Amino acid sequence: MKNPFRAITAKEFAGDGVDAKWIVYGKVLGDQKVSILRLSLAPGAKTTFSPECPALFHTNGGSGRIGKLEVKYHQNMVLGEVYPEIGFITQSALANGGVEIENTGAEPLVLTFDFPQNAHSKIPGISS
């Protein structure tokens, strides 16, 4: 299935060494059903990530740290093994100013954040 959405810059999360793009956004069947943000950090880059609500994340490339959690992308996963590439940004972390994300590797750290339904006060990709 082809993604009908064109990636748009998420200015609120982009910065020095940090590229942020909404890759799924807007309204689906008239409602804010889903939104996915792709965050790419250059080697050595850091950012404080503080979205409006908790989110699930997946590591899609590279290695680094999200808060105190070390993350690394694994290509050859084995069923039943635990891998440090999926996690949550919690409400508690957001209440404390968000989480620091740092690329500690030699290649870009690429993360996707999946937000729940009705997660945003301003829907990405929709002019207000």
C-alpha atoms as a PDB file:
ATOM      1  CA  MET A   1       0.000   0.000   0.000  1.00  0.00           C
ATOM      2  CA  LYS A   2       1.398   3.378  -0.981  1.00  0.00           C
ATOM      3  CA  ASN A   3       1.535   6.110   1.672  1.00  0.00           C
ATOM      4  CA  PRO A   4      -0.754   8.926   0.448  1.00  0.00           C
ATOM      5  CA  PHE A   5       1.039  11.475   2.642  1.00  0.00           C
ATOM      6  CA  ARG A   6       3.982  13.613   1.568  1.00  0.00           C
ATOM      7  CA  ALA A   7       6.493  14.072   4.399  1.00  0.00           C
ATOM      8  CA  ILE A   8       6.300  17.573   5.857  1.00  0.00           C
ATOM      9  CA  THR A   9       8.798  19.250   8.179  1.00  0.00           C
ATOM     10  CA  ALA A  10       7.847  19.278  11.861  1.00  0.00           C
ATOM     11  CA  LYS A  11       9.410  22.657  12.683  1.00  0.00           C
ATOM     12  CA  GLU A  12       8.602  22.306  16.389  1.00  0.00           C
ATOM     13  CA  PHE A  13      10.985  19.325  16.666  1.00  0.00           C
ATOM     14  CA  ALA A  14      13.671  20.177  14.051  1.00  0.00           C
ATOM     15  CA  GLY A  15      16.927  21.843  15.034  1.00  0.00           C
ATOM     16  CA  ASP A  16      20.704  21.772  14.769  1.00  0.00           C
ATOM     17  CA  GLY A  17      21.569  18.266  13.541  1.00  0.00           C
ATOM     18  CA  VAL A  18      17.944  17.166  13.950  1.00  0.00           C
ATOM     19  CA  ASP A  19      15.575  16.560  11.033  1.00  0.00           C
ATOM     20  CA  ALA A  20      11.920  16.041  11.953  1.00  0.00           C
ATOM     21  CA  LYS A  21       9.173  15.120   9.513  1.00  0.00           C
ATOM     22  CA  TRP A  22       5.552  14.142   9.840  1.00  0.00           C
ATOM     23  CA  ILE A  23       5.198  11.056   7.642  1.00  0.00           C
ATOM     24  CA  VAL A  24       1.579  10.238   8.517  1.00  0.00           C
ATOM     25  CA  TYR A  25      -0.660  13.092   9.620  1.00  0.00           C
ATOM     26  CA  GLY A  26      -3.901  14.994   9.179  1.00  0.00           C
ATOM     27  CA  LYS A  27      -7.394  13.604   9.247  1.00  0.00           C
ATOM     28  CA  VAL A  28      -8.437  10.134   8.141  1.00  0.00           C
ATOM     29  CA  LEU A  29     -12.149   9.677   7.469  1.00  0.00           C
ATOM     30  CA  GLY A  30     -12.746  13.078   9.058  1.00  0.00           C
ATOM     31  CA  ASP A  31     -10.924  12.458  12.354  1.00  0.00           C
ATOM     32  CA  GLN A  32      -7.408  12.657  13.767  1.00  0.00           C
ATOM     33  CA  LYS A  33      -6.842   8.888  13.822  1.00  0.00           C
ATOM     34  CA  VAL A  34      -3.072   8.526  13.658  1.00  0.00           C
ATOM     35  CA  SER A  35       0.133  10.518  13.328  1.00  0.00           C
ATOM     36  CA  ILE A  36       3.717   9.370  12.918  1.00  0.00           C
ATOM     37  CA  LEU A  37       6.791  11.550  13.296  1.00  0.00           C
ATOM     38  CA  ARG A  38      10.236  10.570  11.942  1.00  0.00           C
ATOM     39  CA  LEU A  39      13.130  12.111  13.854  1.00  0.00           C
ATOM     40  CA  SER A  40      16.700  11.815  12.466  1.00  0.00           C
ATOM     41  CA  LEU A  41      19.678  12.934  14.529  1.00  0.00           C
ATOM     42  CA  ALA A  42      23.130  13.402  13.008  1.00  0.00           C
ATOM     43  CA  PRO A  43      26.064  11.744  14.821  1.00  0.00           C
ATOM     44  CA  GLY A  44      26.695  13.625  18.064  1.00  0.00           C
ATOM     45  CA  ALA A  45      23.416  15.564  17.898  1.00  0.00           C
ATOM     46  CA  LYS A  46      21.162  15.984  20.953  1.00  0.00           C
ATOM     47  CA  THR A  47      17.659  17.322  21.411  1.00  0.00           C
ATOM     48  CA  THR A  48      15.039  17.553  24.135  1.00  0.00           C
ATOM     49  CA  PHE A  49      11.877  15.910  22.841  1.00  0.00           C
ATOM     50  CA  SER A  50       8.664  17.094  24.444  1.00  0.00           C
ATOM     51  CA  PRO A  51       5.539  16.366  22.396  1.00  0.00           C
ATOM     52  CA  GLU A  52       2.025  17.101  23.677  1.00  0.00           C
ATOM     53  CA  CYS A  53       1.290  13.525  24.698  1.00  0.00           C
ATOM     54  CA  PRO A  54       2.963  10.165  25.340  1.00  0.00           C
ATOM     55  CA  ALA A  55       4.147   8.205  22.303  1.00  0.00           C
ATOM     56  CA  LEU A  56       5.476   4.807  21.288  1.00  0.00           C
ATOM     57  CA  PHE A  57       8.826   4.874  19.492  1.00  0.00           C
ATOM     58  CA  HIS A  58      10.709   2.517  17.170  1.00  0.00           C
ATOM     59  CA  THR A  59      14.421   2.728  16.364  1.00  0.00           C
ATOM     60  CA  ASN A  60      14.784   2.539  12.580  1.00  0.00           C
ATOM     61  CA  GLY A  61      18.522   3.142  12.270  1.00  0.00           C
ATOM     62  CA  GLY A  62      21.647   3.897  14.262  1.00  0.00           C
ATOM     63  CA  SER A  63      22.198   3.915  18.011  1.00  0.00           C
ATOM     64  CA  GLY A  64      21.854   6.357  20.840  1.00  0.00           C
ATOM     65  CA  ARG A  65      20.037   7.225  24.019  1.00  0.00           C
ATOM     66  CA  ILE A  66      16.468   8.264  24.806  1.00  0.00           C
ATOM     67  CA  GLY A  67      16.447   9.509  28.368  1.00  0.00           C
ATOM     68  CA  LYS A  68      18.350   6.782  30.243  1.00  0.00           C
ATOM     69  CA  LEU A  69      17.454   4.042  27.733  1.00  0.00           C
ATOM     70  CA  GLU A  70      20.193   2.970  25.321  1.00  0.00           C
ATOM     71  CA  VAL A  71      18.673   2.189  21.902  1.00  0.00           C
ATOM     72  CA  LYS A  72      20.118   0.427  18.881  1.00  0.00           C
ATOM     73  CA  TYR A  73      18.664  -0.753  15.606  1.00  0.00           C
ATOM     74  CA  HIS A  74      18.982  -4.514  15.076  1.00  0.00           C
ATOM     75  CA  GLN A  75      18.662  -6.018  11.601  1.00  0.00           C
ATOM     76  CA  ASN A  76      18.717  -9.727  12.435  1.00  0.00           C
ATOM     77  CA  MET A  77      16.150 -10.133  15.190  1.00  0.00           C
ATOM     78  CA  VAL A  78      15.441 -13.517  16.771  1.00  0.00           C
ATOM     79  CA  LEU A  79      11.919 -14.361  17.949  1.00  0.00           C
ATOM     80  CA  GLY A  80      11.742 -14.359  21.751  1.00  0.00           C
ATOM     81  CA  GLU A  81      14.751 -12.081  22.295  1.00  0.00           C
ATOM     82  CA  VAL A  82      14.379  -8.635  23.864  1.00  0.00           C
ATOM     83  CA  TYR A  83      15.811  -5.707  21.894  1.00  0.00           C
ATOM     84  CA  PRO A  84      16.331  -2.093  23.003  1.00  0.00           C
ATOM     85  CA  GLU A  85      14.720  -0.486  19.996  1.00  0.00           C
ATOM     86  CA  ILE A  86      11.106   0.023  21.023  1.00  0.00           C
ATOM     87  CA  GLY A  87       9.898   2.083  23.967  1.00  0.00           C
ATOM     88  CA  PHE A  88       7.546   4.752  25.257  1.00  0.00           C
ATOM     89  CA  ILE A  89       7.787   8.434  26.024  1.00  0.00           C
ATOM     90  CA  THR A  90       5.647   8.570  29.177  1.00  0.00           C
ATOM     91  CA  GLN A  91       3.375  11.268  30.599  1.00  0.00           C
ATOM     92  CA  SER A  92       5.697  11.445  33.609  1.00  0.00           C
ATOM     93  CA  ALA A  93       8.693  12.214  31.357  1.00  0.00           C
ATOM     94  CA  LEU A  94       6.706  14.910  29.547  1.00  0.00           C
ATOM     95  CA  ALA A  95       5.617  16.460  32.854  1.00  0.00           C
ATOM     96  CA  ASN A  96       9.317  16.783  33.710  1.00  0.00           C
ATOM     97  CA  GLY A  97      10.164  18.706  30.522  1.00  0.00           C
ATOM     98  CA  GLY A  98      10.489  15.839  28.046  1.00  0.00           C
ATOM     99  CA  VAL A  99      13.362  13.458  27.314  1.00  0.00           C
ATOM    100  CA  GLU A 100      16.825  14.082  25.979  1.00  0.00           C
ATOM    101  CA  ILE A 101      17.603  12.153  22.814  1.00  0.00           C
ATOM    102  CA  GLU A 102      21.242  11.768  21.801  1.00  0.00           C
ATOM    103  CA  ASN A 103      22.914  10.071  18.864  1.00  0.00           C
ATOM    104  CA  THR A 104      25.934   8.261  20.315  1.00  0.00           C
ATOM    105  CA  GLY A 105      26.786   6.378  17.121  1.00  0.00           C
ATOM    106  CA  ALA A 106      28.642   7.069  13.884  1.00  0.00           C
ATOM    107  CA  GLU A 107      25.549   7.017  11.629  1.00  0.00           C
ATOM    108  CA  PRO A 108      22.209   8.837  11.821  1.00  0.00           C
ATOM    109  CA  LEU A 109      19.878   7.817  14.658  1.00  0.00           C
ATOM    110  CA  VAL A 110      16.446   7.431  13.065  1.00  0.00           C
ATOM    111  CA  LEU A 111      13.349   7.093  15.239  1.00  0.00           C
ATOM    112  CA  THR A 112       9.641   7.001  14.485  1.00  0.00           C
ATOM    113  CA  PHE A 113       7.108   8.125  17.063  1.00  0.00           C
ATOM    114  CA  ASP A 114       3.551   6.799  16.869  1.00  0.00           C
ATOM    115  CA  PHE A 115       0.998   9.067  18.509  1.00  0.00           C
ATOM    116  CA  PRO A 116      -2.489   8.004  19.639  1.00  0.00           C
ATOM    117  CA  GLN A 117      -5.798   9.213  18.244  1.00  0.00           C
ATOM    118  CA  ASN A 118      -6.553  12.897  18.955  1.00  0.00           C
ATOM    119  CA  ALA A 119      -3.011  13.460  20.250  1.00  0.00           C
ATOM    120  CA  HIS A 120      -2.504  17.005  18.968  1.00  0.00           C
ATOM    121  CA  SER A 121      -4.194  20.309  19.739  1.00  0.00           C
ATOM    122  CA  LYS A 122      -3.103  21.426  16.246  1.00  0.00           C
ATOM    123  CA  ILE A 123      -3.328  18.619  13.704  1.00  0.00           C
ATOM    124  CA  PRO A 124      -0.099  18.247  11.687  1.00  0.00           C
ATOM    125  CA  GLY A 125      -0.621  19.131   8.027  1.00  0.00           C
ATOM    126  CA  ILE A 126      -3.900  20.974   8.622  1.00  0.00           C
ATOM    127  CA  SER A 127      -3.920  24.777   8.482  1.00  0.00           C
ATOM    128  CA  SER A 128      -5.754  26.404  11.363  1.00  0.00           C
END
